[in-house]
Amino acid sequence: MTGTPHIAKGEEYIVFYSGGPYDGQVDRRISTDGSWDASITVSVEIDGDNSLLVYGSPAAREVGGQLQVTYTWDSADSEAVADPDDRDEL
């Protein structure tokens, strides 16, 4: 397929998260205005601590008639997340 993928208002698209704590996760979203989100902010709880993670730079493609949008973790705009190797240190 060439050109920009299309989505109509009310249609579902698949979200793939790349990088950060949500790496490899998949979600489904509904287009509210005939486009996909420019960025997504998700809340994650790691060892009892909540952090807001920002995923942006969407890259969209159509596969089998379904829109798929990959979002990449923006560590600079996200709240700090403890490194798994440092979580139990005092």
N, C-alpha and C. Protein backbone atom coordinates (compact mmCIF):
# COMPACT_ATOMS: atom_id res chain seq x y z
N MET A 1 0.84 -1.17 0.00
CA MET A 1 0.00 0.00 0.00
C MET A 1 0.88 1.24 0.00
N THR A 2 0.50 2.25 -0.76
CA THR A 2 1.23 3.50 -0.78
C THR A 2 0.36 4.60 -0.20
N GLY A 3 1.00 5.68 0.22
CA GLY A 3 0.25 6.80 0.77
C GLY A 3 -0.02 6.62 2.25
N THR A 4 -0.80 7.55 2.79
CA THR A 4 -1.12 7.55 4.20
C THR A 4 -2.32 6.67 4.48
N PRO A 5 -2.23 5.80 5.49
CA PRO A 5 -3.40 4.97 5.84
C PRO A 5 -4.56 5.85 6.26
N HIS A 6 -5.76 5.35 6.10
CA HIS A 6 -6.98 6.10 6.41
C HIS A 6 -7.75 5.40 7.52
N ILE A 7 -8.38 6.20 8.37
CA ILE A 7 -9.29 5.68 9.38
C ILE A 7 -10.46 6.66 9.50
N ALA A 8 -11.64 6.12 9.63
CA ALA A 8 -12.83 6.96 9.77
C ALA A 8 -13.19 7.12 11.25
N LYS A 9 -13.87 8.18 11.55
CA LYS A 9 -14.35 8.42 12.91
C LYS A 9 -15.16 7.22 13.38
N GLY A 10 -14.86 6.74 14.58
CA GLY A 10 -15.57 5.60 15.15
C GLY A 10 -14.96 4.24 14.85
N GLU A 11 -13.97 4.20 13.95
CA GLU A 11 -13.32 2.93 13.63
C GLU A 11 -12.24 2.61 14.66
N GLU A 12 -11.98 1.31 14.82
CA GLU A 12 -10.99 0.84 15.77
C GLU A 12 -9.62 0.72 15.09
N TYR A 13 -8.57 1.00 15.85
CA TYR A 13 -7.23 0.74 15.36
C TYR A 13 -6.43 0.06 16.46
N ILE A 14 -5.37 -0.64 16.05
CA ILE A 14 -4.53 -1.39 16.97
C ILE A 14 -3.29 -0.57 17.29
N VAL A 15 -2.94 -0.52 18.59
CA VAL A 15 -1.78 0.21 19.06
C VAL A 15 -0.71 -0.78 19.50
N PHE A 16 0.52 -0.56 19.05
CA PHE A 16 1.68 -1.32 19.49
C PHE A 16 2.59 -0.35 20.23
N TYR A 17 3.05 -0.75 21.42
CA TYR A 17 3.97 0.08 22.22
C TYR A 17 5.39 -0.43 22.01
N SER A 18 6.31 0.50 21.77
CA SER A 18 7.71 0.14 21.54
C SER A 18 8.58 0.88 22.55
N GLY A 19 9.37 0.11 23.31
CA GLY A 19 10.27 0.69 24.28
C GLY A 19 9.62 0.91 25.63
N GLY A 20 10.45 1.14 26.63
CA GLY A 20 9.95 1.41 27.98
C GLY A 20 9.22 0.25 28.60
N PRO A 21 8.58 0.49 29.75
CA PRO A 21 7.89 -0.58 30.47
C PRO A 21 6.72 -1.22 29.71
N TYR A 22 6.14 -0.53 28.74
CA TYR A 22 5.02 -1.08 27.97
C TYR A 22 5.49 -1.79 26.69
N ASP A 23 6.78 -1.91 26.49
CA ASP A 23 7.32 -2.50 25.27
C ASP A 23 6.66 -3.84 24.96
N GLY A 24 6.15 -3.97 23.76
CA GLY A 24 5.53 -5.22 23.33
C GLY A 24 4.06 -5.34 23.65
N GLN A 25 3.50 -4.40 24.42
CA GLN A 25 2.08 -4.44 24.75
C GLN A 25 1.26 -4.00 23.54
N VAL A 26 0.04 -4.49 23.49
CA VAL A 26 -0.88 -4.16 22.40
C VAL A 26 -2.17 -3.65 23.01
N ASP A 27 -2.79 -2.69 22.35
CA ASP A 27 -4.03 -2.09 22.82
C ASP A 27 -4.92 -1.82 21.61
N ARG A 28 -6.17 -1.57 21.87
CA ARG A 28 -7.10 -1.18 20.80
C ARG A 28 -7.71 0.15 21.19
N ARG A 29 -7.84 1.05 20.22
CA ARG A 29 -8.41 2.37 20.47
C ARG A 29 -9.44 2.67 19.39
N ILE A 30 -10.30 3.61 19.68
CA ILE A 30 -11.32 4.05 18.73
C ILE A 30 -10.98 5.47 18.29
N SER A 31 -11.02 5.71 17.00
CA SER A 31 -10.78 7.05 16.48
C SER A 31 -12.00 7.92 16.79
N THR A 32 -11.76 9.03 17.46
CA THR A 32 -12.86 9.94 17.81
C THR A 32 -13.04 11.05 16.79
N ASP A 33 -12.04 11.21 15.89
CA ASP A 33 -12.13 12.31 14.94
C ASP A 33 -11.64 11.97 13.53
N GLY A 34 -11.48 10.69 13.24
CA GLY A 34 -11.01 10.29 11.91
C GLY A 34 -9.50 10.29 11.78
N SER A 35 -8.80 10.26 12.92
CA SER A 35 -7.34 10.16 12.91
C SER A 35 -6.92 9.35 14.12
N TRP A 36 -5.62 9.04 14.20
CA TRP A 36 -5.11 8.36 15.39
C TRP A 36 -4.45 9.41 16.28
N ASP A 37 -4.25 9.04 17.54
CA ASP A 37 -3.67 9.97 18.51
C ASP A 37 -2.23 10.30 18.16
N ALA A 38 -1.84 11.56 18.41
CA ALA A 38 -0.46 11.99 18.18
C ALA A 38 0.47 11.42 19.24
N SER A 39 -0.06 11.20 20.45
CA SER A 39 0.69 10.57 21.52
C SER A 39 -0.30 9.94 22.49
N ILE A 40 0.19 9.01 23.29
CA ILE A 40 -0.63 8.32 24.28
C ILE A 40 0.12 8.37 25.61
N THR A 41 -0.60 8.73 26.68
CA THR A 41 -0.03 8.69 28.02
C THR A 41 -0.68 7.55 28.78
N VAL A 42 0.13 6.66 29.31
CA VAL A 42 -0.38 5.51 30.06
C VAL A 42 0.16 5.55 31.48
N SER A 43 -0.63 5.05 32.40
CA SER A 43 -0.23 4.96 33.80
C SER A 43 0.22 3.53 34.07
N VAL A 44 1.38 3.40 34.69
CA VAL A 44 1.91 2.08 34.98
C VAL A 44 2.29 2.03 36.46
N GLU A 45 2.01 0.89 37.09
CA GLU A 45 2.41 0.68 38.48
C GLU A 45 3.50 -0.37 38.52
N ILE A 46 4.63 0.02 39.07
CA ILE A 46 5.77 -0.89 39.21
C ILE A 46 6.17 -0.90 40.67
N ASP A 47 6.05 -2.05 41.30
CA ASP A 47 6.39 -2.20 42.72
C ASP A 47 5.70 -1.16 43.59
N GLY A 48 4.44 -0.87 43.31
CA GLY A 48 3.66 0.05 44.11
C GLY A 48 3.82 1.51 43.77
N ASP A 49 4.70 1.85 42.86
CA ASP A 49 4.91 3.23 42.44
C ASP A 49 4.24 3.46 41.09
N ASN A 50 3.44 4.53 41.00
CA ASN A 50 2.78 4.87 39.75
C ASN A 50 3.62 5.87 38.96
N SER A 51 3.66 5.68 37.66
CA SER A 51 4.36 6.60 36.76
C SER A 51 3.51 6.80 35.52
N LEU A 52 3.58 8.01 34.96
CA LEU A 52 2.91 8.29 33.69
C LEU A 52 3.95 8.21 32.59
N LEU A 53 3.66 7.37 31.61
CA LEU A 53 4.57 7.16 30.48
C LEU A 53 3.98 7.77 29.23
N VAL A 54 4.81 8.46 28.48
CA VAL A 54 4.37 9.07 27.23
C VAL A 54 4.94 8.28 26.06
N TYR A 55 4.07 7.91 25.15
CA TYR A 55 4.46 7.23 23.91
C TYR A 55 4.02 8.12 22.75
N GLY A 56 4.93 8.42 21.85
CA GLY A 56 4.62 9.31 20.73
C GLY A 56 5.23 8.81 19.44
N SER A 57 5.47 9.74 18.53
CA SER A 57 6.05 9.44 17.21
C SER A 57 5.32 8.30 16.52
N PRO A 58 4.00 8.42 16.36
CA PRO A 58 3.25 7.31 15.77
C PRO A 58 3.67 7.01 14.33
N ALA A 59 3.76 5.73 14.05
CA ALA A 59 4.03 5.24 12.70
C ALA A 59 2.87 4.31 12.33
N ALA A 60 2.09 4.71 11.34
CA ALA A 60 0.87 3.97 10.99
C ALA A 60 1.04 3.20 9.69
N ARG A 61 0.37 2.04 9.67
CA ARG A 61 0.33 1.25 8.45
C ARG A 61 -0.96 0.44 8.47
N GLU A 62 -1.40 0.05 7.30
CA GLU A 62 -2.60 -0.77 7.18
C GLU A 62 -2.20 -2.19 6.82
N VAL A 63 -2.69 -3.14 7.59
CA VAL A 63 -2.40 -4.55 7.37
C VAL A 63 -3.72 -5.30 7.33
N GLY A 64 -4.04 -5.91 6.21
CA GLY A 64 -5.27 -6.69 6.09
C GLY A 64 -6.52 -5.87 6.36
N GLY A 65 -6.50 -4.61 5.98
CA GLY A 65 -7.66 -3.75 6.18
C GLY A 65 -7.78 -3.18 7.58
N GLN A 66 -6.81 -3.45 8.47
CA GLN A 66 -6.83 -2.95 9.85
C GLN A 66 -5.68 -1.97 10.04
N LEU A 67 -5.98 -0.79 10.59
CA LEU A 67 -4.94 0.18 10.87
C LEU A 67 -4.16 -0.24 12.10
N GLN A 68 -2.83 -0.21 11.98
CA GLN A 68 -1.93 -0.51 13.09
C GLN A 68 -1.01 0.69 13.28
N VAL A 69 -0.93 1.18 14.54
CA VAL A 69 -0.11 2.35 14.83
C VAL A 69 0.88 1.97 15.92
N THR A 70 2.16 2.17 15.65
CA THR A 70 3.21 1.89 16.62
C THR A 70 3.65 3.20 17.25
N TYR A 71 3.66 3.22 18.59
CA TYR A 71 4.08 4.38 19.37
C TYR A 71 5.38 4.04 20.09
N THR A 72 6.31 4.99 20.12
CA THR A 72 7.62 4.79 20.73
C THR A 72 7.70 5.56 22.04
N TRP A 73 8.28 4.91 23.06
CA TRP A 73 8.42 5.51 24.39
C TRP A 73 9.24 6.78 24.33
N ASP A 74 8.72 7.85 24.92
CA ASP A 74 9.41 9.13 25.01
C ASP A 74 9.89 9.27 26.45
N SER A 75 11.09 8.78 26.74
CA SER A 75 11.59 8.78 28.12
C SER A 75 11.77 10.20 28.66
N ALA A 76 12.07 11.17 27.81
CA ALA A 76 12.26 12.55 28.26
C ALA A 76 10.97 13.17 28.78
N ASP A 77 9.83 12.84 28.18
CA ASP A 77 8.54 13.39 28.59
C ASP A 77 7.82 12.51 29.61
N SER A 78 8.33 11.33 29.88
CA SER A 78 7.72 10.41 30.83
C SER A 78 8.27 10.64 32.23
N GLU A 79 7.49 10.23 33.23
CA GLU A 79 7.99 10.27 34.60
C GLU A 79 9.05 9.19 34.77
N ALA A 80 9.93 9.42 35.71
CA ALA A 80 11.02 8.47 35.95
C ALA A 80 10.47 7.12 36.39
N VAL A 81 11.09 6.07 35.90
CA VAL A 81 10.75 4.70 36.27
C VAL A 81 12.02 4.07 36.83
N ALA A 82 11.90 3.44 37.99
CA ALA A 82 13.07 2.83 38.62
C ALA A 82 13.61 1.70 37.76
N ASP A 83 14.91 1.63 37.65
CA ASP A 83 15.56 0.54 36.96
C ASP A 83 15.30 -0.74 37.74
N PRO A 84 14.89 -1.82 37.08
CA PRO A 84 14.59 -3.07 37.79
C PRO A 84 15.75 -3.55 38.67
N ASP A 85 16.99 -3.27 38.30
CA ASP A 85 18.15 -3.70 39.09
C ASP A 85 18.34 -2.87 40.35
N ASP A 86 17.71 -1.67 40.40
CA ASP A 86 17.90 -0.77 41.54
C ASP A 86 16.70 -0.73 42.49
N ARG A 87 15.65 -1.47 42.23
CA ARG A 87 14.41 -1.33 42.99
C ARG A 87 14.52 -1.75 44.45
N ASP A 88 15.32 -2.73 44.79
CA ASP A 88 15.36 -3.22 46.15
C ASP A 88 16.53 -2.66 46.96
N GLU A 89 17.22 -1.69 46.41
CA GLU A 89 18.34 -1.11 47.14
C GLU A 89 17.84 -0.07 48.13
N LEU A 90 18.57 0.09 49.23
CA LEU A 90 18.23 1.08 50.26
C LEU A 90 19.09 2.31 50.11
